[in-house]
Amino acid sequence: MPAWSRRRFIGSTALCAVAACLPVRAMAEGIVLLKAELELHGEIWQLSGGYEIQLSPTLVDALRRGVQLTFVQAFQARRPRTYWLSEDIAEVTRVIRLSYNALLRQYYATVSGHTTTHSNLADLLDYIGDFSDWAVLHQSQVSRRHNYVLSVRMYLDTSQLPKPLQVNAVASQRWQLDSGWREWNFRP
């Protein structure tokens, strides 16, 4: 075997061994919908379920340096019609603001004016990903005669970042977190 092919073989074997030893990430950065369903409580339809959220290292670093991150959860309900455009029944959004206090080493989440404190990032992300008991529809808005299409979405609102970071957020994929719209059919 010629010397140059032996070097190439040893080099590629060493590269494969190093690649096999590297840790595998459980989930890439992003927002993934785990479950979403509507439940009737009295006269109010409440959305229950949640997201699994994984922040990129850039977002974690920005949060720890004092940048407030704003997430938006959106819900839509519409009634498809055969001979006309779909009828919009409801559009509800909820704004979630995340911040970090470096002096106290605590994370804060503000959801609908209610602030909670968390000791670590994992607890914070679990809390904001859960949207259980979110009132989205009144019973008078839906009828048992019709089928409805429900949609949910969660995303990082980059327009709420400080102006110098907004330019960076537009150009970089590391700042783009969006679950995309997830739809399902619903009949009361």
N, C-alpha and C. Protein backbone atom coordinates (compact mmCIF):
# COMPACT_ATOMS: atom_id res chain seq x y z
N MET A 1 0.85 -1.18 0.00
CA MET A 1 0.00 0.00 0.00
C MET A 1 0.89 1.23 0.00
N PRO A 2 0.66 2.19 -0.91
CA PRO A 2 1.49 3.40 -0.96
C PRO A 2 1.34 4.22 0.33
N ALA A 3 2.37 5.00 0.65
CA ALA A 3 2.40 5.78 1.89
C ALA A 3 1.29 6.82 1.96
N TRP A 4 0.98 7.46 0.86
CA TRP A 4 -0.03 8.52 0.91
C TRP A 4 -1.42 7.96 1.22
N SER A 5 -1.76 6.77 0.77
CA SER A 5 -3.07 6.20 1.07
C SER A 5 -3.13 5.71 2.52
N ARG A 6 -1.98 5.28 3.08
CA ARG A 6 -1.94 4.86 4.48
C ARG A 6 -2.19 6.06 5.39
N ARG A 7 -1.59 7.21 5.08
CA ARG A 7 -1.82 8.43 5.86
C ARG A 7 -3.28 8.86 5.77
N ARG A 8 -3.83 8.79 4.59
CA ARG A 8 -5.22 9.17 4.40
C ARG A 8 -6.15 8.25 5.21
N PHE A 9 -5.87 6.95 5.21
CA PHE A 9 -6.66 5.98 5.96
C PHE A 9 -6.59 6.26 7.47
N ILE A 10 -5.39 6.49 7.99
CA ILE A 10 -5.22 6.77 9.42
C ILE A 10 -5.91 8.09 9.79
N GLY A 11 -5.77 9.09 8.95
CA GLY A 11 -6.42 10.38 9.21
C GLY A 11 -7.94 10.28 9.22
N SER A 12 -8.51 9.57 8.25
CA SER A 12 -9.97 9.43 8.21
C SER A 12 -10.48 8.57 9.35
N THR A 13 -9.73 7.55 9.77
CA THR A 13 -10.12 6.72 10.91
C THR A 13 -10.11 7.54 12.19
N ALA A 14 -9.08 8.37 12.37
CA ALA A 14 -9.01 9.22 13.56
C ALA A 14 -10.16 10.23 13.57
N LEU A 15 -10.49 10.79 12.42
CA LEU A 15 -11.60 11.73 12.32
C LEU A 15 -12.93 11.07 12.69
N CYS A 16 -13.15 9.85 12.22
CA CYS A 16 -14.38 9.12 12.56
C CYS A 16 -14.44 8.81 14.04
N ALA A 17 -13.31 8.46 14.65
CA ALA A 17 -13.28 8.15 16.09
C ALA A 17 -13.61 9.38 16.91
N VAL A 18 -13.07 10.54 16.50
CA VAL A 18 -13.36 11.79 17.22
C VAL A 18 -14.83 12.16 17.05
N ALA A 19 -15.38 12.01 15.85
CA ALA A 19 -16.78 12.34 15.61
C ALA A 19 -17.71 11.44 16.40
N ALA A 20 -17.34 10.18 16.59
CA ALA A 20 -18.18 9.25 17.36
C ALA A 20 -18.19 9.59 18.84
N CYS A 21 -17.14 10.23 19.33
CA CYS A 21 -17.06 10.58 20.75
C CYS A 21 -17.77 11.88 21.09
N LEU A 22 -18.11 12.67 20.09
CA LEU A 22 -18.78 13.95 20.36
C LEU A 22 -20.20 13.70 20.88
N PRO A 23 -20.66 14.53 21.85
CA PRO A 23 -22.02 14.33 22.36
C PRO A 23 -23.07 14.68 21.30
N VAL A 24 -24.15 13.93 21.31
CA VAL A 24 -25.25 14.16 20.39
C VAL A 24 -26.28 15.01 21.11
N ARG A 25 -26.75 16.08 20.49
CA ARG A 25 -27.75 16.94 21.11
C ARG A 25 -29.11 16.28 21.04
N ALA A 26 -29.84 16.38 22.14
CA ALA A 26 -31.16 15.75 22.21
C ALA A 26 -32.15 16.43 21.28
N MET A 27 -32.10 17.74 21.22
CA MET A 27 -33.04 18.47 20.39
C MET A 27 -32.36 19.72 19.86
N ALA A 28 -32.56 20.03 18.62
CA ALA A 28 -32.02 21.26 18.06
C ALA A 28 -32.77 22.45 18.64
N GLU A 29 -32.18 23.64 18.48
CA GLU A 29 -32.85 24.83 18.97
C GLU A 29 -34.18 24.99 18.26
N GLY A 30 -35.17 25.42 19.00
CA GLY A 30 -36.45 25.66 18.37
C GLY A 30 -37.60 25.51 19.35
N ILE A 31 -38.79 25.59 18.79
CA ILE A 31 -40.03 25.46 19.56
C ILE A 31 -40.84 24.36 18.90
N VAL A 32 -41.17 23.33 19.67
CA VAL A 32 -41.91 22.19 19.14
C VAL A 32 -43.20 22.03 19.94
N LEU A 33 -44.33 21.94 19.24
CA LEU A 33 -45.61 21.73 19.90
C LEU A 33 -45.72 20.28 20.35
N LEU A 34 -45.94 20.08 21.64
CA LEU A 34 -46.09 18.73 22.18
C LEU A 34 -47.55 18.27 22.13
N LYS A 35 -48.45 19.16 22.55
CA LYS A 35 -49.87 18.80 22.62
C LYS A 35 -50.70 20.07 22.66
N ALA A 36 -51.86 20.03 22.03
CA ALA A 36 -52.80 21.14 22.10
C ALA A 36 -54.21 20.59 21.94
N GLU A 37 -55.05 20.89 22.90
CA GLU A 37 -56.46 20.47 22.81
C GLU A 37 -57.33 21.46 23.55
N LEU A 38 -58.60 21.49 23.16
CA LEU A 38 -59.58 22.40 23.75
C LEU A 38 -60.47 21.62 24.71
N GLU A 39 -60.69 22.20 25.89
CA GLU A 39 -61.55 21.59 26.90
C GLU A 39 -62.56 22.62 27.39
N LEU A 40 -63.80 22.18 27.59
CA LEU A 40 -64.86 23.08 28.05
C LEU A 40 -64.89 23.11 29.58
N HIS A 41 -64.79 24.32 30.14
CA HIS A 41 -64.88 24.54 31.58
C HIS A 41 -65.96 25.60 31.80
N GLY A 42 -67.15 25.16 32.19
CA GLY A 42 -68.27 26.09 32.32
C GLY A 42 -68.71 26.54 30.94
N GLU A 43 -68.62 27.83 30.67
CA GLU A 43 -68.97 28.37 29.36
C GLU A 43 -67.74 28.79 28.56
N ILE A 44 -66.57 28.46 29.06
CA ILE A 44 -65.31 28.88 28.43
C ILE A 44 -64.56 27.65 27.90
N TRP A 45 -64.11 27.75 26.65
CA TRP A 45 -63.23 26.73 26.07
C TRP A 45 -61.81 27.14 26.40
N GLN A 46 -61.06 26.24 27.07
CA GLN A 46 -59.69 26.52 27.45
C GLN A 46 -58.74 25.63 26.67
N LEU A 47 -57.64 26.22 26.27
CA LEU A 47 -56.61 25.50 25.55
C LEU A 47 -55.65 24.90 26.57
N SER A 48 -55.34 23.64 26.40
CA SER A 48 -54.35 23.00 27.27
C SER A 48 -53.33 22.27 26.41
N GLY A 49 -52.15 22.15 26.95
CA GLY A 49 -51.05 21.53 26.23
C GLY A 49 -49.79 22.33 26.44
N GLY A 50 -48.87 22.24 25.48
CA GLY A 50 -47.66 23.01 25.65
C GLY A 50 -46.63 22.78 24.56
N TYR A 51 -45.55 23.52 24.69
CA TYR A 51 -44.43 23.48 23.76
C TYR A 51 -43.18 23.01 24.49
N GLU A 52 -42.26 22.44 23.74
CA GLU A 52 -40.92 22.21 24.24
C GLU A 52 -40.04 23.27 23.59
N ILE A 53 -39.35 24.05 24.42
CA ILE A 53 -38.58 25.18 23.93
C ILE A 53 -37.11 24.94 24.23
N GLN A 54 -36.28 25.13 23.23
CA GLN A 54 -34.83 25.03 23.37
C GLN A 54 -34.22 26.29 22.78
N LEU A 55 -33.58 27.09 23.60
CA LEU A 55 -32.96 28.33 23.14
C LEU A 55 -31.57 28.05 22.57
N SER A 56 -31.18 28.82 21.58
CA SER A 56 -29.83 28.72 21.03
C SER A 56 -28.85 29.32 22.03
N PRO A 57 -27.58 28.95 21.95
CA PRO A 57 -26.59 29.55 22.86
C PRO A 57 -26.53 31.07 22.74
N THR A 58 -26.78 31.62 21.56
CA THR A 58 -26.80 33.06 21.38
C THR A 58 -27.92 33.70 22.20
N LEU A 59 -29.11 33.09 22.20
CA LEU A 59 -30.23 33.63 22.96
C LEU A 59 -30.00 33.49 24.47
N VAL A 60 -29.43 32.37 24.90
CA VAL A 60 -29.14 32.18 26.32
C VAL A 60 -28.13 33.23 26.78
N ASP A 61 -27.09 33.47 25.98
CA ASP A 61 -26.09 34.46 26.32
C ASP A 61 -26.71 35.86 26.37
N ALA A 62 -27.56 36.19 25.41
CA ALA A 62 -28.20 37.51 25.41
C ALA A 62 -29.10 37.67 26.64
N LEU A 63 -29.85 36.64 26.98
CA LEU A 63 -30.72 36.70 28.16
C LEU A 63 -29.90 36.92 29.43
N ARG A 64 -28.81 36.21 29.55
CA ARG A 64 -27.96 36.34 30.75
C ARG A 64 -27.23 37.68 30.80
N ARG A 65 -27.11 38.34 29.67
CA ARG A 65 -26.46 39.67 29.65
C ARG A 65 -27.47 40.81 29.82
N GLY A 66 -28.73 40.47 30.07
CA GLY A 66 -29.71 41.50 30.38
C GLY A 66 -30.67 41.86 29.27
N VAL A 67 -30.63 41.14 28.15
CA VAL A 67 -31.56 41.41 27.06
C VAL A 67 -32.89 40.71 27.37
N GLN A 68 -33.97 41.47 27.31
CA GLN A 68 -35.29 40.89 27.56
C GLN A 68 -35.79 40.23 26.28
N LEU A 69 -36.22 38.97 26.38
CA LEU A 69 -36.75 38.24 25.24
C LEU A 69 -38.26 38.22 25.33
N THR A 70 -38.93 38.50 24.21
CA THR A 70 -40.38 38.54 24.18
C THR A 70 -40.89 37.45 23.24
N PHE A 71 -41.71 36.56 23.77
CA PHE A 71 -42.33 35.50 22.99
C PHE A 71 -43.82 35.81 22.86
N VAL A 72 -44.41 35.35 21.76
CA VAL A 72 -45.84 35.53 21.53
C VAL A 72 -46.45 34.16 21.26
N GLN A 73 -47.53 33.86 21.98
CA GLN A 73 -48.33 32.66 21.71
C GLN A 73 -49.62 33.14 21.06
N ALA A 74 -49.97 32.53 19.94
CA ALA A 74 -51.16 32.96 19.19
C ALA A 74 -52.10 31.77 19.00
N PHE A 75 -53.39 32.06 19.05
CA PHE A 75 -54.43 31.07 18.82
C PHE A 75 -55.42 31.65 17.83
N GLN A 76 -55.84 30.84 16.86
CA GLN A 76 -56.87 31.25 15.90
C GLN A 76 -57.90 30.14 15.75
N ALA A 77 -59.14 30.55 15.60
CA ALA A 77 -60.23 29.62 15.30
C ALA A 77 -60.99 30.18 14.10
N ARG A 78 -61.25 29.32 13.14
CA ARG A 78 -62.03 29.75 11.97
C ARG A 78 -62.94 28.61 11.53
N ARG A 79 -64.02 29.03 10.88
CA ARG A 79 -65.00 28.05 10.38
C ARG A 79 -64.90 28.03 8.86
N PRO A 80 -64.44 26.92 8.30
CA PRO A 80 -64.37 26.84 6.83
C PRO A 80 -65.77 26.80 6.23
N ARG A 81 -65.93 27.48 5.10
CA ARG A 81 -67.21 27.47 4.41
C ARG A 81 -66.99 26.98 2.98
N THR A 82 -67.99 26.33 2.43
CA THR A 82 -67.86 25.71 1.12
C THR A 82 -67.80 26.73 -0.01
N TYR A 83 -68.70 27.68 -0.02
CA TYR A 83 -68.81 28.59 -1.16
C TYR A 83 -68.32 30.00 -0.87
N TRP A 84 -67.61 30.20 0.23
CA TRP A 84 -67.16 31.53 0.59
C TRP A 84 -65.87 31.38 1.38
N LEU A 85 -65.24 32.51 1.70
CA LEU A 85 -64.03 32.48 2.50
C LEU A 85 -64.33 31.99 3.91
N SER A 86 -63.32 31.47 4.58
CA SER A 86 -63.49 31.00 5.95
C SER A 86 -63.87 32.17 6.87
N GLU A 87 -64.70 31.86 7.85
CA GLU A 87 -65.14 32.85 8.82
C GLU A 87 -64.21 32.81 10.04
N ASP A 88 -63.60 33.95 10.37
CA ASP A 88 -62.74 34.02 11.54
C ASP A 88 -63.61 34.09 12.79
N ILE A 89 -63.39 33.17 13.70
CA ILE A 89 -64.16 33.11 14.94
C ILE A 89 -63.43 33.83 16.07
N ALA A 90 -62.14 33.54 16.24
CA ALA A 90 -61.38 34.15 17.34
C ALA A 90 -59.90 34.22 16.97
N GLU A 91 -59.28 35.29 17.45
CA GLU A 91 -57.83 35.45 17.37
C GLU A 91 -57.37 35.97 18.73
N VAL A 92 -56.60 35.16 19.43
CA VAL A 92 -56.16 35.51 20.77
C VAL A 92 -54.64 35.38 20.82
N THR A 93 -53.97 36.38 21.40
CA THR A 93 -52.53 36.31 21.58
C THR A 93 -52.18 36.57 23.03
N ARG A 94 -51.04 36.06 23.38
CA ARG A 94 -50.53 36.25 24.73
C ARG A 94 -49.03 36.54 24.63
N VAL A 95 -48.59 37.58 25.31
CA VAL A 95 -47.20 38.02 25.26
C VAL A 95 -46.48 37.53 26.51
N ILE A 96 -45.30 36.96 26.32
CA ILE A 96 -44.49 36.42 27.42
C ILE A 96 -43.14 37.11 27.36
N ARG A 97 -42.74 37.73 28.46
CA ARG A 97 -41.45 38.41 28.52
C ARG A 97 -40.52 37.67 29.49
N LEU A 98 -39.30 37.40 29.01
CA LEU A 98 -38.30 36.72 29.83
C LEU A 98 -37.18 37.69 30.16
N SER A 99 -36.70 37.63 31.39
CA SER A 99 -35.55 38.45 31.79
C SER A 99 -34.74 37.69 32.82
N TYR A 100 -33.53 38.20 33.06
CA TYR A 100 -32.62 37.56 34.01
C TYR A 100 -31.99 38.62 34.88
N ASN A 101 -31.93 38.37 36.20
CA ASN A 101 -31.28 39.25 37.14
C ASN A 101 -29.96 38.60 37.54
N ALA A 102 -28.85 39.15 37.05
CA ALA A 102 -27.54 38.55 37.29
C ALA A 102 -27.13 38.64 38.76
N LEU A 103 -27.56 39.68 39.44
CA LEU A 103 -27.21 39.84 40.85
C LEU A 103 -27.86 38.75 41.71
N LEU A 104 -29.13 38.48 41.47
CA LEU A 104 -29.85 37.46 42.24
C LEU A 104 -29.77 36.07 41.60
N ARG A 105 -29.28 36.01 40.36
CA ARG A 105 -29.19 34.77 39.59
C ARG A 105 -30.56 34.09 39.48
N GLN A 106 -31.55 34.89 39.09
CA GLN A 106 -32.91 34.39 38.94
C GLN A 106 -33.47 34.82 37.59
N TYR A 107 -34.30 33.94 37.04
CA TYR A 107 -34.99 34.22 35.78
C TYR A 107 -36.41 34.66 36.11
N TYR A 108 -36.93 35.57 35.29
CA TYR A 108 -38.28 36.07 35.48
C TYR A 108 -39.08 35.88 34.20
N ALA A 109 -40.33 35.47 34.35
CA ALA A 109 -41.26 35.34 33.23
C ALA A 109 -42.50 36.15 33.57
N THR A 110 -42.90 37.01 32.64
CA THR A 110 -44.12 37.79 32.83
C THR A 110 -45.11 37.36 31.76
N VAL A 111 -46.22 36.75 32.21
CA VAL A 111 -47.27 36.27 31.31
C VAL A 111 -48.56 36.96 31.72
N SER A 112 -49.13 37.74 30.80
CA SER A 112 -50.38 38.45 31.04
C SER A 112 -50.35 39.27 32.32
N GLY A 113 -49.24 39.94 32.58
CA GLY A 113 -49.13 40.80 33.75
C GLY A 113 -48.75 40.09 35.03
N HIS A 114 -48.64 38.77 35.01
CA HIS A 114 -48.29 37.99 36.19
C HIS A 114 -46.83 37.55 36.08
N THR A 115 -45.99 37.95 37.05
CA THR A 115 -44.56 37.64 37.02
C THR A 115 -44.24 36.49 37.96
N THR A 116 -43.44 35.55 37.46
CA THR A 116 -42.97 34.43 38.28
C THR A 116 -41.45 34.40 38.27
N THR A 117 -40.87 33.82 39.31
CA THR A 117 -39.43 33.72 39.47
C THR A 117 -39.01 32.26 39.34
N HIS A 118 -37.88 32.02 38.65
CA HIS A 118 -37.37 30.66 38.45
C HIS A 118 -35.88 30.65 38.73
N SER A 119 -35.41 29.57 39.34
CA SER A 119 -34.00 29.48 39.71
C SER A 119 -33.11 29.03 38.57
N ASN A 120 -33.67 28.33 37.58
CA ASN A 120 -32.83 27.91 36.45
C ASN A 120 -33.60 28.04 35.13
N LEU A 121 -32.85 27.98 34.05
CA LEU A 121 -33.41 28.20 32.72
C LEU A 121 -34.38 27.10 32.30
N ALA A 122 -34.09 25.86 32.69
CA ALA A 122 -34.96 24.74 32.31
C ALA A 122 -36.36 24.91 32.89
N ASP A 123 -36.46 25.32 34.16
CA ASP A 123 -37.77 25.55 34.78
C ASP A 123 -38.50 26.70 34.09
N LEU A 124 -37.76 27.74 33.74
CA LEU A 124 -38.35 28.88 33.06
C LEU A 124 -38.95 28.47 31.71
N LEU A 125 -38.20 27.71 30.92
CA LEU A 125 -38.68 27.29 29.60
C LEU A 125 -39.85 26.33 29.71
N ASP A 126 -39.86 25.47 30.72
CA ASP A 126 -41.02 24.60 30.94
C ASP A 126 -42.25 25.42 31.28
N TYR A 127 -42.07 26.45 32.10
CA TYR A 127 -43.20 27.29 32.51
C TYR A 127 -43.81 28.05 31.33
N ILE A 128 -42.96 28.68 30.51
CA ILE A 128 -43.51 29.47 29.41
C ILE A 128 -44.04 28.58 28.29
N GLY A 129 -43.55 27.35 28.18
CA GLY A 129 -44.04 26.44 27.15
C GLY A 129 -45.41 25.88 27.46
N ASP A 130 -45.81 25.90 28.73
CA ASP A 130 -47.10 25.34 29.14
C ASP A 130 -48.18 26.40 28.99
N PHE A 131 -49.23 26.09 28.18
CA PHE A 131 -50.33 27.05 28.06
C PHE A 131 -51.64 26.45 28.57
N SER A 132 -51.56 25.63 29.60
CA SER A 132 -52.77 25.04 30.14
C SER A 132 -53.67 26.11 30.75
N ASP A 133 -54.96 25.86 30.66
CA ASP A 133 -55.99 26.75 31.20
C ASP A 133 -55.96 28.15 30.59
N TRP A 134 -55.66 28.23 29.31
CA TRP A 134 -55.68 29.50 28.59
C TRP A 134 -57.06 29.65 27.95
N ALA A 135 -57.87 30.58 28.44
CA ALA A 135 -59.22 30.79 27.93
C ALA A 135 -59.15 31.45 26.55
N VAL A 136 -59.66 30.74 25.52
CA VAL A 136 -59.53 31.24 24.15
C VAL A 136 -60.86 31.44 23.45
N LEU A 137 -61.91 30.76 23.87
CA LEU A 137 -63.22 30.87 23.21
C LEU A 137 -64.33 30.87 24.25
N HIS A 138 -65.41 31.55 23.91
CA HIS A 138 -66.63 31.46 24.72
C HIS A 138 -67.57 30.46 24.02
N GLN A 139 -68.38 29.79 24.78
CA GLN A 139 -69.26 28.77 24.23
C GLN A 139 -70.21 29.34 23.17
N SER A 140 -70.57 30.61 23.29
CA SER A 140 -71.49 31.22 22.33
C SER A 140 -70.83 31.47 20.96
N GLN A 141 -69.50 31.38 20.88
CA GLN A 141 -68.80 31.61 19.62
C GLN A 141 -68.80 30.39 18.70
N VAL A 142 -69.07 29.22 19.24
CA VAL A 142 -69.04 28.00 18.44
C VAL A 142 -70.39 27.30 18.49
N SER A 143 -70.68 26.54 17.45
CA SER A 143 -71.95 25.82 17.35
C SER A 143 -71.66 24.34 17.09
N ARG A 144 -72.50 23.50 17.60
CA ARG A 144 -72.32 22.05 17.39
C ARG A 144 -72.58 21.64 15.95
N ARG A 145 -73.19 22.51 15.15
CA ARG A 145 -73.51 22.18 13.76
C ARG A 145 -72.31 22.29 12.83
N HIS A 146 -71.27 22.99 13.25
CA HIS A 146 -70.16 23.29 12.35
C HIS A 146 -68.85 22.66 12.80
N ASN A 147 -67.99 22.45 11.83
CA ASN A 147 -66.61 22.06 12.10
C ASN A 147 -65.75 23.32 12.11
N TYR A 148 -64.67 23.31 12.88
CA TYR A 148 -63.79 24.45 12.99
C TYR A 148 -62.35 23.99 12.80
N VAL A 149 -61.53 24.92 12.37
CA VAL A 149 -60.10 24.68 12.25
C VAL A 149 -59.41 25.58 13.27
N LEU A 150 -58.67 24.95 14.18
CA LEU A 150 -57.96 25.68 15.22
C LEU A 150 -56.47 25.69 14.90
N SER A 151 -55.80 26.78 15.24
CA SER A 151 -54.37 26.91 14.96
C SER A 151 -53.68 27.54 16.16
N VAL A 152 -52.47 27.07 16.46
CA VAL A 152 -51.64 27.67 17.50
C VAL A 152 -50.24 27.90 16.96
N ARG A 153 -49.58 28.90 17.54
CA ARG A 153 -48.21 29.24 17.12
C ARG A 153 -47.51 29.93 18.28
N MET A 154 -46.21 29.73 18.38
CA MET A 154 -45.38 30.45 19.35
C MET A 154 -44.10 30.87 18.65
N TYR A 155 -43.69 32.13 18.89
CA TYR A 155 -42.48 32.62 18.23
C TYR A 155 -41.82 33.70 19.07
N LEU A 156 -40.52 33.89 18.81
CA LEU A 156 -39.77 34.98 19.42
C LEU A 156 -40.03 36.24 18.63
N ASP A 157 -40.50 37.28 19.29
CA ASP A 157 -40.80 38.55 18.63
C ASP A 157 -39.53 39.39 18.58
N THR A 158 -38.83 39.33 17.45
CA THR A 158 -37.56 40.05 17.31
C THR A 158 -37.76 41.56 17.20
N SER A 159 -38.97 42.01 16.92
CA SER A 159 -39.21 43.45 16.86
C SER A 159 -39.19 44.09 18.25
N GLN A 160 -39.24 43.29 19.31
CA GLN A 160 -39.19 43.81 20.67
C GLN A 160 -37.76 43.84 21.24
N LEU A 161 -36.80 43.36 20.47
CA LEU A 161 -35.40 43.42 20.90
C LEU A 161 -34.90 44.85 20.82
N PRO A 162 -33.81 45.17 21.54
CA PRO A 162 -33.20 46.49 21.38
C PRO A 162 -32.78 46.72 19.92
N LYS A 163 -32.84 47.95 19.46
CA LYS A 163 -32.60 48.27 18.05
C LYS A 163 -31.28 47.71 17.49
N PRO A 164 -30.15 47.81 18.19
CA PRO A 164 -28.92 47.24 17.60
C PRO A 164 -29.01 45.73 17.38
N LEU A 165 -29.74 45.03 18.23
CA LEU A 165 -29.87 43.58 18.07
C LEU A 165 -30.88 43.20 17.00
N GLN A 166 -31.82 44.09 16.68
CA GLN A 166 -32.80 43.79 15.64
C GLN A 166 -32.12 43.61 14.29
N VAL A 167 -31.09 44.39 14.02
CA VAL A 167 -30.36 44.27 12.76
C VAL A 167 -29.67 42.91 12.70
N ASN A 168 -29.07 42.51 13.80
CA ASN A 168 -28.41 41.21 13.87
C ASN A 168 -29.43 40.08 13.77
N ALA A 169 -30.60 40.26 14.36
CA ALA A 169 -31.63 39.21 14.35
C ALA A 169 -32.17 38.96 12.96
N VAL A 170 -32.24 39.98 12.13
CA VAL A 170 -32.73 39.83 10.76
C VAL A 170 -31.73 39.01 9.94
N ALA A 171 -30.46 39.23 10.17
CA ALA A 171 -29.43 38.59 9.36
C ALA A 171 -29.04 37.20 9.86
N SER A 172 -29.39 36.85 11.07
CA SER A 172 -28.91 35.59 11.65
C SER A 172 -30.06 34.64 11.96
N GLN A 173 -29.87 33.38 11.67
CA GLN A 173 -30.86 32.35 11.98
C GLN A 173 -30.87 32.00 13.47
N ARG A 174 -29.82 32.38 14.20
CA ARG A 174 -29.73 32.05 15.62
C ARG A 174 -30.78 32.79 16.45
N TRP A 175 -31.33 33.87 15.89
CA TRP A 175 -32.34 34.65 16.60
C TRP A 175 -33.75 34.28 16.17
N GLN A 176 -33.91 33.39 15.23
CA GLN A 176 -35.22 33.05 14.69
C GLN A 176 -35.77 31.80 15.37
N LEU A 177 -36.74 31.97 16.24
CA LEU A 177 -37.43 30.85 16.88
C LEU A 177 -38.90 30.96 16.54
N ASP A 178 -39.44 29.94 15.93
CA ASP A 178 -40.85 29.95 15.52
C ASP A 178 -41.33 28.51 15.39
N SER A 179 -42.44 28.22 16.03
CA SER A 179 -43.00 26.86 15.92
C SER A 179 -43.75 26.67 14.61
N GLY A 180 -44.14 27.77 13.98
CA GLY A 180 -45.00 27.67 12.80
C GLY A 180 -46.43 27.38 13.25
N TRP A 181 -47.37 27.59 12.35
CA TRP A 181 -48.77 27.33 12.68
C TRP A 181 -49.03 25.83 12.67
N ARG A 182 -49.68 25.33 13.72
CA ARG A 182 -50.12 23.94 13.80
C ARG A 182 -51.63 23.94 13.84
N GLU A 183 -52.25 23.22 12.91
CA GLU A 183 -53.71 23.21 12.79
C GLU A 183 -54.27 21.84 13.13
N TRP A 184 -55.52 21.87 13.62
CA TRP A 184 -56.27 20.64 13.80
C TRP A 184 -57.76 20.96 13.71
N ASN A 185 -58.54 19.95 13.40
CA ASN A 185 -59.99 20.12 13.26
C ASN A 185 -60.65 19.95 14.60
N PHE A 186 -61.75 20.67 14.79
CA PHE A 186 -62.44 20.66 16.08
C PHE A 186 -63.94 20.74 15.82
N ARG A 187 -64.69 19.92 16.54
CA ARG A 187 -66.16 19.98 16.53
C ARG A 187 -66.64 19.92 17.97
N PRO A 188 -67.35 20.97 18.44
CA PRO A 188 -67.80 21.00 19.84
C PRO A 188 -68.77 19.88 20.18
